[in-house]
Amino acid sequence: MSSSNHNTFSLRSVLEKEKLNGSNFLEWYRNLRIVLRQEKRDYVIEKVLPEKYRSNAPQSDKNAWDKHSNDVVDVTCLMLATMNSDLQKQYENVASPIEMITNLKAMFQEQARTERYQMVKSLVECKLPKDAPVSPHVIKMMGYIDNLGKLDCPISQELATDIILQSLPSSYDQFIMNYNMNSLTKTLTELHGMLKTAEPNIKKGTPNVLMVQGGKKFKKPSKGKGKGKADQVVNQDKPAPPPKPKAGPSKDDKCHFCKEPGHWKRTCKKFLEGFKNLKKAYETTSPGIYVIEVNVTSSVSTSWVLDTGCGAHICTNMQALSNKRKVEKGQVELRVGNGARVAALAVGDYHLSLPSGLVLDLHNCYYVPAISRIIISVYCLDLDGFDFSIKNKCCSFNQNGMFYGSTSLENGLYVLNQSMPVYNINTKRFKSNDENPTFLWHCRLGHINEKRIQKLHSDGLLGSFDYESCEKCESCLMCKMAKAPFNKPNERAGDLLGLIHTDVCGPMSTSARGNYQYFITFTDDFSRYGYVYLMRHKSKSFEKFKEFQNEVQNQLGKSIKALRSDRGGEYLSQEFSDHLRECGIVSQLTLPGTPQWNGVSERRNQTLLDMVRSMMSHTDLPLSFWGYALETSAFTLNRVPSKSVAKTPHEMWTGNVPSLSFLKIWGCEAYVKRLISDKLAPKSDKCYFVGYPKETKAYYFYNRFENKVFVAKNCVFLEREFLSKKNSGSRLQLEEIRESQETAQPDDEHQQLDLQRVVETTPVEPELRRSGRIRHEPERYYGFLVNDCHDLLIIDSDEPANFEEAMLGPDSEKWLGAAKSEMGIMSENQVWSLVDLPDGVKAIECKWIFKKKIDVDGNIQIFKARLVAKGFKQIHGFTYSSVAMLKTIRILLATAAYYD
């Protein structure tokens, strides 16, 4: 249980701080996995210890089994040491960590499931009473959310915010609407502070400005000194108490208005009629009855105004209402900005036809003739599930991803112009690829087709955004081309590993980093889940198949039933056939000349290469990174829908729905935090994202300055900036070199050069005979790629071009040692001697050549450096003379002596 790493002791101390007692099983189990992952022993609780090796087993298998056995003992002791005494007595005789974890899950996980259910129930049912303070309520809900995280059921920040907001009473509706419309993204602590700040300003039960309210007819304010009730508001929640009965006027009482007996002034018909006319004149002529009248010079009855301060839809045309009903005068009144009230005469549904071709249903729209503007209430549309976006003096609204309309800013108001043509609305609706989230996911997912993105969006795997079709992707138009499918009746496998499709692709026109020229794919027929392996030689196919077989059979607990492939020599070898026969795997070979029968693998290779070309053409990375692009494409294909299966391959293979939130655009720039940095030096480096590692949940990055690929997690991606740039990626073609292409025609250019060289050095007497041997380009041309325009582009070779670059690279010490060795050899052999440069003579410049000597497996053996003269600057007979090697002279002398 000991370890030499100090960090391991600190992690184990965290695990031993709180021992397992039953109630904290999930937290203990999570800490256990963290400790084992740090020690690289987490496989012990996932893989069963195999049977002990035989005496004639290879030494590597013996070492692996011994290490696994020792790790099992260490992990078992660690688990027992972090339990309480009762559990230690119960499990001290259990020797397998997997068996111990299984029993603990059966004992305690169901208890945690019940506790989690009760916690979720408490969180959902928690509501804030109407007059209760908001701070204790929010703190209590934050405690519920934190406890769910400890029970292995974390809740995202946005969902937690929505749960807290929906628990608030109706008096917080205005706060919630403002929060959602402004697209605020706050932490729970910041939300708690905002609610505490807004709580004193929220008047519970008081209607908002421009809000429709029901009540009695407006009463004239009294003129008493401080005893009037003009400031009182009609309360809709509590009915007004019945008025106390008062004595009526007597026959002798006279009216002070008309001077007739039998009634008072307040009940005089003549007085009431005159007061009524006066009130109507006041309502129609009083300035500022509605706030928008201040901002406009004329009233336009055909324009609709989108208003956030109005609590109801308002129209000025009663004939346009459907399902309308009249409202008694004074029953429903609207209070405007200056405190005055106007009456609504009818209410109904207004069907507003929009330029987009859709109809906006305005329910409970009030007919108010006293208001000159017709109003769309943002509050009511928000309750109906509409979303709003305000940008560049334009406010657009949509529902469930469907665009309805937009308004433009005029004199401080967002006005909907119904006379606007449809194409103008479409122009507002149209987004370029730089701003289109659909195109962003198209690039993140390796340039897959739009139907797959639409299915992922409908399944809810891409988060919430408005799905819109994007423009044609130039990279896909340039790098993808498909043939008509070869339709044939095929029987699909009924289970995982029932049938595996495989094919080898290569050699490629350019070697990948690591000197890889081939790749082999394995695709499961039932789930369409695929594996891809890079290879330096085609002979490694059998080794890669055994690696694939061991991994999938161990992970799934099943055996491969059949293997379908073409008739390539790598699949027809004797050792491959014997292995399939020993494992009971049926080999299904295609007919000669019919690659369509192996269509699954052929299409998989075509799809992978299409994705690689599209991704590579969208960046300016060297073509040698096609290996990383290929692995990223295979990783992405397993997590996107396929038309051959109902679910994603990853879900059918593992049983878990894939998470796509961490996917990024391949080749985009990113700032990666340095592990060790100087205090005054930058804390991050600008790198390029090139893939996803299999061993850990992080990213592969390429540092162009240091010319190395590494794994990191602390980074910031510049995806939007990457899309906003013009497509400056490489247009180089990555193709598989076919045998027919190799032997189809020789290189005319090289043949012409050879012919000219022969003509210059050979007499014309004998007739030259053209050799029938097929000429191939030497290996020195593998570092170049020739396109149709005869341009030569150097591909990434990982070798410095000059001495300065070698000294700045990651292998500077090795290159410096090689250079010193070269100078020492020249000094020992007295290759040159130092003299003064004569007058009028220029010295021949020198150049360092750096090369890596690589063995058969691609491993670097030697770093070699050579100091050479720039021979193209030499002139025969002036700056150099013809020389001969001593070996050549000896051979000539020996030949002459033999024939003498």
Foldseek 3Di string as FASTA:
>chain_A
DDDPDPVLVVLLCVLQVAADDQQQVLVNVVSLCVSCVVVVNNCQLVFDQDDQDDPPDDPVVNVVSVVSLVSLQVSLVSNLSRHDPVVNVVCVPPSGNNVVVVVSCVRRVVVLVVVLVVLVVCLQPQADDQPDDLLVSLVVNVVSQVVNVSSVRHDDQVVSVVSSVVRYDPLCLLVVVVCQQVVDRDGSVVVSVVSNVCVVVRDPQDDFAQEKDFDAADDDWDDDDPPTDPPDDGGPPDDDDDDDDDDAFDQADAEPPPRHGDHYVVPDPVNVVVVVVVVVVCLQPPPCQAVCVVQDDDFDQQKEFEDARHNAWEHADPVQFDPKDFDPWRRMWTAHDVRDIFTFGMWGWGWDQALLRHTDIGHGYTHTNSDRHGYDHPSVVVVVAKHWDDDDQKIWIDHPLGGDFMFGADSNTGMGDRVDHNVVRVVVVDDALLPAVLNQVCQLLLNDDSVLVVVCVVVCQPDDDRDDDYDDQPLLVQQDDDDDADDDDDDFAPAWLAEKFKEKFAQKLAAAPLQFRIKMKIATRPLRQMDMDTDNDLLCPLVVVVVVQVVLCSVPVDHHAEYEYEPDPSCVDPVNVVVCVVRNYHYHYDDPPCCSVSVSHVVVVSQLQSSLSSLQQQAAAFPSLSVLSSRQNSVSQQQIDDPSDDARSVCSSPVDRDHDPPGGRAFFKKWFADPDDDPPDDRTAIWTWRHADPSDGFTWTAHPLQGDIDTGHHMGTDSSVSSPDDRPGDSDDIHHDDPCNQPVDADPVVVVVVVVVCPVPDDVPDPDDDDPDHDDDDPVCSQWDQDPVRDTDGGDDVWDPFLVSCCSYPNVVQLVVQVVVQVVVCVVVVVDDDDDDDPPDDDFDKTKDWDFDADPSSDTDHIHIHIGTPVVPDDEPPRDYDDDDPVVVVVVVVVVVVVD
